[in-house]
């Protein structure tokens, strides 16, 4: 097995509709957050088609959950 395969999992592209479904954000919010560097950047696939890395969207969602949990803990103190 090559060293690359050992250290990198297979990446999967997901399209805008799936990003919207997973995050609950609107298309406009996703693009606004991207401009503000608050959301993973899309990857151009061809002329007018883009996608996101599934792992980056999953990480963004997980970070939101962690931030919520940290805020909950701080408010209890």
PDB file of N, CA and C in Angstrom:
ATOM      1  N   UNK A   1       0.854  -1.181   0.000  1.00  0.00           N
ATOM      2  CA  UNK A   1       0.000   0.000   0.000  1.00  0.00           C
ATOM      3  C   UNK A   1       0.896   1.239   0.000  1.00  0.00           C
ATOM      4  N   UNK A   2       0.572   2.210  -0.818  1.00  0.00           N
ATOM      5  CA  UNK A   2       1.405   3.411  -0.891  1.00  0.00           C
ATOM      6  C   UNK A   2       1.260   4.246   0.372  1.00  0.00           C
ATOM      7  N   UNK A   3       2.254   5.079   0.606  1.00  0.00           N
ATOM      8  CA  UNK A   3       2.235   5.956   1.770  1.00  0.00           C
ATOM      9  C   UNK A   3       1.056   6.911   1.712  1.00  0.00           C
ATOM     10  N   UNK A   4       0.711   7.397   0.508  1.00  0.00           N
ATOM     11  CA  UNK A   4      -0.425   8.314   0.358  1.00  0.00           C
ATOM     12  C   UNK A   4      -1.711   7.651   0.831  1.00  0.00           C
ATOM     13  N   UNK A   5      -1.946   6.435   0.404  1.00  0.00           N
ATOM     14  CA  UNK A   5      -3.178   5.735   0.776  1.00  0.00           C
ATOM     15  C   UNK A   5      -3.240   5.472   2.278  1.00  0.00           C
ATOM     16  N   UNK A   6      -2.101   5.286   2.899  1.00  0.00           N
ATOM     17  CA  UNK A   6      -2.081   5.023   4.334  1.00  0.00           C
ATOM     18  C   UNK A   6      -2.433   6.263   5.145  1.00  0.00           C
ATOM     19  N   UNK A   7      -2.083   7.447   4.645  1.00  0.00           N
ATOM     20  CA  UNK A   7      -2.279   8.664   5.429  1.00  0.00           C
ATOM     21  C   UNK A   7      -3.467   9.503   4.981  1.00  0.00           C
ATOM     22  N   UNK A   8      -4.065   9.188   3.850  1.00  0.00           N
ATOM     23  CA  UNK A   8      -5.179   9.982   3.340  1.00  0.00           C
ATOM     24  C   UNK A   8      -6.376   9.093   3.019  1.00  0.00           C
ATOM     25  N   UNK A   9      -7.503   9.447   3.580  1.00  0.00           N
ATOM     26  CA  UNK A   9      -8.707   8.703   3.233  1.00  0.00           C
ATOM     27  C   UNK A   9      -9.226   9.221   1.893  1.00  0.00           C
ATOM     28  N   UNK A  10     -10.078   8.452   1.267  1.00  0.00           N
ATOM     29  CA  UNK A  10     -10.667   8.899   0.007  1.00  0.00           C
ATOM     30  C   UNK A  10     -11.559  10.096   0.268  1.00  0.00           C
ATOM     31  N   UNK A  11     -11.380  11.125  -0.525  1.00  0.00           N
ATOM     32  CA  UNK A  11     -12.219  12.314  -0.410  1.00  0.00           C
ATOM     33  C   UNK A  11     -13.407  12.173  -1.344  1.00  0.00           C
ATOM     34  N   UNK A  12     -14.499  12.794  -0.956  1.00  0.00           N
ATOM     35  CA  UNK A  12     -15.710  12.747  -1.767  1.00  0.00           C
ATOM     36  C   UNK A  12     -16.200  14.172  -1.975  1.00  0.00           C
ATOM     37  N   UNK A  13     -16.560  14.484  -3.216  1.00  0.00           N
ATOM     38  CA  UNK A  13     -17.173  15.772  -3.512  1.00  0.00           C
ATOM     39  C   UNK A  13     -18.662  15.698  -3.217  1.00  0.00           C
ATOM     40  N   UNK A  14     -19.196  16.774  -2.643  1.00  0.00           N
ATOM     41  CA  UNK A  14     -20.647  16.875  -2.507  1.00  0.00           C
ATOM     42  C   UNK A  14     -21.093  18.184  -3.138  1.00  0.00           C
ATOM     43  N   UNK A  15     -22.273  18.163  -3.704  1.00  0.00           N
ATOM     44  CA  UNK A  15     -22.788  19.316  -4.432  1.00  0.00           C
ATOM     45  C   UNK A  15     -23.599  20.217  -3.510  1.00  0.00           C
ATOM     46  N   UNK A  16     -23.949  21.376  -4.025  1.00  0.00           N
ATOM     47  CA  UNK A  16     -24.603  22.411  -3.233  1.00  0.00           C
ATOM     48  C   UNK A  16     -25.862  21.910  -2.531  1.00  0.00           C
ATOM     49  N   UNK A  17     -26.714  21.184  -3.238  1.00  0.00           N
ATOM     50  CA  UNK A  17     -27.958  20.713  -2.611  1.00  0.00           C
ATOM     51  C   UNK A  17     -27.691  19.873  -1.364  1.00  0.00           C
ATOM     52  N   UNK A  18     -26.655  19.048  -1.417  1.00  0.00           N
ATOM     53  CA  UNK A  18     -26.330  18.228  -0.248  1.00  0.00           C
ATOM     54  C   UNK A  18     -25.726  19.081   0.871  1.00  0.00           C
ATOM     55  N   UNK A  19     -24.930  20.083   0.503  1.00  0.00           N
ATOM     56  CA  UNK A  19     -24.366  20.993   1.508  1.00  0.00           C
ATOM     57  C   UNK A  19     -25.498  21.728   2.224  1.00  0.00           C
ATOM     58  N   UNK A  20     -26.468  22.202   1.452  1.00  0.00           N
ATOM     59  CA  UNK A  20     -27.632  22.885   2.027  1.00  0.00           C
ATOM     60  C   UNK A  20     -28.381  21.946   2.971  1.00  0.00           C
ATOM     61  N   UNK A  21     -28.594  20.718   2.518  1.00  0.00           N
ATOM     62  CA  UNK A  21     -29.330  19.741   3.332  1.00  0.00           C
ATOM     63  C   UNK A  21     -28.588  19.417   4.626  1.00  0.00           C
ATOM     64  N   UNK A  22     -27.279  19.232   4.542  1.00  0.00           N
ATOM     65  CA  UNK A  22     -26.499  18.856   5.729  1.00  0.00           C
ATOM     66  C   UNK A  22     -26.379  19.988   6.737  1.00  0.00           C
ATOM     67  N   UNK A  23     -26.240  21.219   6.237  1.00  0.00           N
ATOM     68  CA  UNK A  23     -25.970  22.344   7.140  1.00  0.00           C
ATOM     69  C   UNK A  23     -27.222  23.087   7.567  1.00  0.00           C
ATOM     70  N   UNK A  24     -28.277  23.010   6.751  1.00  0.00           N
ATOM     71  CA  UNK A  24     -29.478  23.790   7.028  1.00  0.00           C
ATOM     72  C   UNK A  24     -29.341  25.248   6.626  1.00  0.00           C
ATOM     73  N   UNK A  25     -28.240  25.593   5.958  1.00  0.00           N
ATOM     74  CA  UNK A  25     -28.015  26.965   5.506  1.00  0.00           C
ATOM     75  C   UNK A  25     -28.602  27.166   4.118  1.00  0.00           C
ATOM     76  N   UNK A  26     -28.933  28.410   3.804  1.00  0.00           N
ATOM     77  CA  UNK A  26     -29.395  28.726   2.453  1.00  0.00           C
ATOM     78  C   UNK A  26     -28.188  28.892   1.530  1.00  0.00           C
ATOM     79  N   UNK A  27     -28.439  28.868   0.239  1.00  0.00           N
ATOM     80  CA  UNK A  27     -27.382  29.080  -0.746  1.00  0.00           C
ATOM     81  C   UNK A  27     -26.708  30.431  -0.518  1.00  0.00           C
ATOM     82  N   UNK A  28     -27.510  31.471  -0.300  1.00  0.00           N
ATOM     83  CA  UNK A  28     -26.960  32.816  -0.092  1.00  0.00           C
ATOM     84  C   UNK A  28     -26.068  32.861   1.146  1.00  0.00           C
ATOM     85  N   UNK A  29     -26.494  32.219   2.219  1.00  0.00           N
ATOM     86  CA  UNK A  29     -25.702  32.212   3.450  1.00  0.00           C
ATOM     87  C   UNK A  29     -24.391  31.471   3.247  1.00  0.00           C
ATOM     88  N   UNK A  30     -24.431  30.356   2.552  1.00  0.00           N
ATOM     89  CA  UNK A  30     -23.208  29.593   2.274  1.00  0.00           C
ATOM     90  C   UNK A  30     -22.203  30.470   1.537  1.00  0.00           C
ATOM     91  N   UNK A  31     -22.648  31.153   0.493  1.00  0.00           N
ATOM     92  CA  UNK A  31     -21.730  31.984  -0.285  1.00  0.00           C
ATOM     93  C   UNK A  31     -21.273  33.209   0.505  1.00  0.00           C
ATOM     94  N   UNK A  32     -22.136  33.784   1.325  1.00  0.00           N
ATOM     95  CA  UNK A  32     -21.718  34.894   2.191  1.00  0.00           C
ATOM     96  C   UNK A  32     -20.673  34.432   3.200  1.00  0.00           C
ATOM     97  N   UNK A  33     -20.896  33.283   3.819  1.00  0.00           N
ATOM     98  CA  UNK A  33     -19.928  32.744   4.775  1.00  0.00           C
ATOM     99  C   UNK A  33     -18.590  32.437   4.094  1.00  0.00           C
ATOM    100  N   UNK A  34     -18.643  31.942   2.858  1.00  0.00           N
ATOM    101  CA  UNK A  34     -17.402  31.678   2.127  1.00  0.00           C
ATOM    102  C   UNK A  34     -16.620  32.977   1.924  1.00  0.00           C
ATOM    103  N   UNK A  35     -17.307  34.051   1.549  1.00  0.00           N
ATOM    104  CA  UNK A  35     -16.642  35.349   1.349  1.00  0.00           C
ATOM    105  C   UNK A  35     -16.009  35.848   2.636  1.00  0.00           C
ATOM    106  N   UNK A  36     -16.622  35.524   3.763  1.00  0.00           N
ATOM    107  CA  UNK A  36     -16.131  35.958   5.078  1.00  0.00           C
ATOM    108  C   UNK A  36     -15.139  34.956   5.689  1.00  0.00           C
ATOM    109  N   UNK A  37     -14.785  33.934   4.924  1.00  0.00           N
ATOM    110  CA  UNK A  37     -13.894  32.867   5.409  1.00  0.00           C
ATOM    111  C   UNK A  37     -14.444  32.167   6.648  1.00  0.00           C
ATOM    112  N   UNK A  38     -15.766  32.016   6.693  1.00  0.00           N
ATOM    113  CA  UNK A  38     -16.426  31.314   7.798  1.00  0.00           C
ATOM    114  C   UNK A  38     -16.960  29.950   7.368  1.00  0.00           C
ATOM    115  N   UNK A  39     -16.665  29.560   6.127  1.00  0.00           N
ATOM    116  CA  UNK A  39     -17.205  28.319   5.579  1.00  0.00           C
ATOM    117  C   UNK A  39     -16.208  27.784   4.564  1.00  0.00           C
ATOM    118  N   UNK A  40     -16.109  26.455   4.419  1.00  0.00           N
ATOM    119  CA  UNK A  40     -15.163  25.891   3.450  1.00  0.00           C
ATOM    120  C   UNK A  40     -15.407  26.413   2.032  1.00  0.00           C
ATOM    121  N   UNK A  41     -14.321  26.644   1.320  1.00  0.00           N
ATOM    122  CA  UNK A  41     -14.406  27.119  -0.060  1.00  0.00           C
ATOM    123  C   UNK A  41     -14.851  25.979  -0.975  1.00  0.00           C
ATOM    124  N   UNK A  42     -15.593  26.356  -2.005  1.00  0.00           N
ATOM    125  CA  UNK A  42     -15.992  25.373  -3.013  1.00  0.00           C
ATOM    126  C   UNK A  42     -14.813  25.101  -3.943  1.00  0.00           C
ATOM    127  N   UNK A  43     -14.901  23.998  -4.651  1.00  0.00           N
ATOM    128  CA  UNK A  43     -13.874  23.589  -5.603  1.00  0.00           C
ATOM    129  C   UNK A  43     -14.502  23.575  -6.990  1.00  0.00           C
ATOM    130  N   UNK A  44     -13.943  24.345  -7.935  1.00  0.00           N
ATOM    131  CA  UNK A  44     -14.495  24.328  -9.293  1.00  0.00           C
ATOM    132  C   UNK A  44     -14.262  22.958  -9.945  1.00  0.00           C
ATOM    133  N   UNK A  45     -15.313  22.413 -10.526  1.00  0.00           N
ATOM    134  CA  UNK A  45     -15.198  21.134 -11.222  1.00  0.00           C
ATOM    135  C   UNK A  45     -15.087  21.342 -12.727  1.00  0.00           C
ATOM    136  N   UNK A  46     -15.941  22.192 -13.255  1.00  0.00           N
ATOM    137  CA  UNK A  46     -15.888  22.602 -14.651  1.00  0.00           C
ATOM    138  C   UNK A  46     -16.690  23.871 -14.795  1.00  0.00           C
ATOM    139  N   UNK A  47     -16.858  24.367 -16.002  1.00  0.00           N
ATOM    140  CA  UNK A  47     -17.418  25.692 -16.302  1.00  0.00           C
ATOM    141  C   UNK A  47     -18.251  26.329 -15.184  1.00  0.00           C
ATOM    142  N   UNK A  48     -19.431  25.845 -14.936  1.00  0.00           N
ATOM    143  CA  UNK A  48     -20.314  26.456 -13.933  1.00  0.00           C
ATOM    144  C   UNK A  48     -20.707  25.471 -12.843  1.00  0.00           C
ATOM    145  N   UNK A  49     -19.788  24.597 -12.512  1.00  0.00           N
ATOM    146  CA  UNK A  49     -20.100  23.563 -11.534  1.00  0.00           C
ATOM    147  C   UNK A  49     -19.041  23.543 -10.435  1.00  0.00           C
ATOM    148  N   UNK A  50     -19.517  23.545  -9.196  1.00  0.00           N
ATOM    149  CA  UNK A  50     -18.610  23.482  -8.047  1.00  0.00           C
ATOM    150  C   UNK A  50     -19.077  22.397  -7.089  1.00  0.00           C
ATOM    151  N   UNK A  51     -18.178  22.028  -6.205  1.00  0.00           N
ATOM    152  CA  UNK A  51     -18.497  21.044  -5.171  1.00  0.00           C
ATOM    153  C   UNK A  51     -17.663  21.379  -3.941  1.00  0.00           C
ATOM    154  N   UNK A  52     -17.976  20.719  -2.857  1.00  0.00           N
ATOM    155  CA  UNK A  52     -17.231  20.871  -1.609  1.00  0.00           C
ATOM    156  C   UNK A  52     -16.705  19.509  -1.209  1.00  0.00           C
ATOM    157  N   UNK A  53     -15.611  19.504  -0.451  1.00  0.00           N
ATOM    158  CA  UNK A  53     -15.124  18.248   0.100  1.00  0.00           C
ATOM    159  C   UNK A  53     -16.012  17.853   1.275  1.00  0.00           C
ATOM    160  N   UNK A  54     -16.491  16.642   1.238  1.00  0.00           N
ATOM    161  CA  UNK A  54     -17.368  16.142   2.292  1.00  0.00           C
ATOM    162  C   UNK A  54     -16.706  16.281   3.663  1.00  0.00           C
ATOM    163  N   UNK A  55     -15.424  15.977   3.735  1.00  0.00           N
ATOM    164  CA  UNK A  55     -14.719  16.034   5.022  1.00  0.00           C
ATOM    165  C   UNK A  55     -14.671  17.454   5.575  1.00  0.00           C
ATOM    166  N   UNK A  56     -14.541  18.455   4.707  1.00  0.00           N
ATOM    167  CA  UNK A  56     -14.508  19.840   5.174  1.00  0.00           C
ATOM    168  C   UNK A  56     -15.871  20.285   5.694  1.00  0.00           C
ATOM    169  N   UNK A  57     -16.938  19.841   5.034  1.00  0.00           N
ATOM    170  CA  UNK A  57     -18.285  20.174   5.508  1.00  0.00           C
ATOM    171  C   UNK A  57     -18.552  19.471   6.834  1.00  0.00           C
ATOM    172  N   UNK A  58     -18.157  18.205   6.927  1.00  0.00           N
ATOM    173  CA  UNK A  58     -18.320  17.472   8.190  1.00  0.00           C
ATOM    174  C   UNK A  58     -17.547  18.157   9.321  1.00  0.00           C
ATOM    175  N   UNK A  59     -16.324  18.604   9.038  1.00  0.00           N
ATOM    176  CA  UNK A  59     -15.523  19.303  10.057  1.00  0.00           C
ATOM    177  C   UNK A  59     -16.185  20.607  10.477  1.00  0.00           C
ATOM    178  N   UNK A  60     -16.745  21.338   9.528  1.00  0.00           N
ATOM    179  CA  UNK A  60     -17.426  22.601   9.836  1.00  0.00           C
ATOM    180  C   UNK A  60     -18.604  22.337  10.783  1.00  0.00           C
ATOM    181  N   UNK A  61     -19.394  21.316  10.462  1.00  0.00           N
ATOM    182  CA  UNK A  61     -20.542  20.956  11.303  1.00  0.00           C
ATOM    183  C   UNK A  61     -20.062  20.552  12.698  1.00  0.00           C
ATOM    184  N   UNK A  62     -19.037  19.712  12.763  1.00  0.00           N
ATOM    185  CA  UNK A  62     -18.521  19.256  14.061  1.00  0.00           C
ATOM    186  C   UNK A  62     -17.974  20.412  14.890  1.00  0.00           C
ATOM    187  N   UNK A  63     -17.336  21.384  14.242  1.00  0.00           N
ATOM    188  CA  UNK A  63     -16.836  22.560  14.965  1.00  0.00           C
ATOM    189  C   UNK A  63     -17.981  23.386  15.528  1.00  0.00           C
ATOM    190  N   UNK A  64     -19.068  23.499  14.781  1.00  0.00           N
ATOM    191  CA  UNK A  64     -20.242  24.214  15.291  1.00  0.00           C
ATOM    192  C   UNK A  64     -20.781  23.526  16.541  1.00  0.00           C
ATOM    193  N   UNK A  65     -20.815  22.203  16.518  1.00  0.00           N
ATOM    194  CA  UNK A  65     -21.299  21.441  17.674  1.00  0.00           C
ATOM    195  C   UNK A  65     -20.368  21.649  18.868  1.00  0.00           C
ATOM    196  N   UNK A  66     -19.054  21.573  18.639  1.00  0.00           N
ATOM    197  CA  UNK A  66     -18.089  21.773  19.726  1.00  0.00           C
ATOM    198  C   UNK A  66     -18.209  23.170  20.311  1.00  0.00           C
ATOM    199  N   UNK A  67     -18.364  24.180  19.451  1.00  0.00           N
ATOM    200  CA  UNK A  67     -18.502  25.557  19.934  1.00  0.00           C
ATOM    201  C   UNK A  67     -19.750  25.713  20.791  1.00  0.00           C
ATOM    202  N   UNK A  68     -20.829  25.068  20.386  1.00  0.00           N
ATOM    203  CA  UNK A  68     -22.056  25.123  21.179  1.00  0.00           C
ATOM    204  C   UNK A  68     -21.830  24.505  22.547  1.00  0.00           C
ATOM    205  N   UNK A  69     -21.177  23.350  22.572  1.00  0.00           N
ATOM    206  CA  UNK A  69     -20.920  22.665  23.837  1.00  0.00           C
ATOM    207  C   UNK A  69     -20.021  23.503  24.735  1.00  0.00           C
ATOM    208  N   UNK A  70     -19.017  24.154  24.161  1.00  0.00           N
ATOM    209  CA  UNK A  70     -18.127  25.011  24.952  1.00  0.00           C
ATOM    210  C   UNK A  70     -18.888  26.202  25.521  1.00  0.00           C
ATOM    211  N   UNK A  71     -19.772  26.792  24.740  1.00  0.00           N
ATOM    212  CA  UNK A  71     -20.570  27.922  25.221  1.00  0.00           C
ATOM    213  C   UNK A  71     -21.513  27.477  26.331  1.00  0.00           C
ATOM    214  N   UNK A  72     -22.094  26.285  26.182  1.00  0.00           N
ATOM    215  CA  UNK A  72     -22.978  25.751  27.223  1.00  0.00           C
ATOM    216  C   UNK A  72     -22.219  25.566  28.535  1.00  0.00           C
ATOM    217  N   UNK A  73     -20.990  25.057  28.456  1.00  0.00           N
ATOM    218  CA  UNK A  73     -20.188  24.841  29.659  1.00  0.00           C
ATOM    219  C   UNK A  73     -19.839  26.166  30.318  1.00  0.00           C
ATOM    220  N   UNK A  74     -19.491  27.174  29.525  1.00  0.00           N
ATOM    221  CA  UNK A  74     -19.137  28.481  30.077  1.00  0.00           C
ATOM    222  C   UNK A  74     -20.327  29.145  30.753  1.00  0.00           C
ATOM    223  N   UNK A  75     -21.516  28.957  30.194  1.00  0.00           N
ATOM    224  CA  UNK A  75     -22.697  29.603  30.771  1.00  0.00           C
ATOM    225  C   UNK A  75     -23.122  28.953  32.094  1.00  0.00           C
ATOM    226  N   UNK A  76     -22.684  27.733  32.351  1.00  0.00           N
ATOM    227  CA  UNK A  76     -23.025  27.036  33.595  1.00  0.00           C
ATOM    228  C   UNK A  76     -22.134  27.466  34.758  1.00  0.00           C
ATOM    229  N   UNK A  77     -20.979  28.047  34.437  1.00  0.00           N
ATOM    230  CA  UNK A  77     -20.024  28.417  35.502  1.00  0.00           C
ATOM    231  C   UNK A  77     -20.450  29.646  36.242  1.00  0.00           C
TER     232      UNK A  77
END
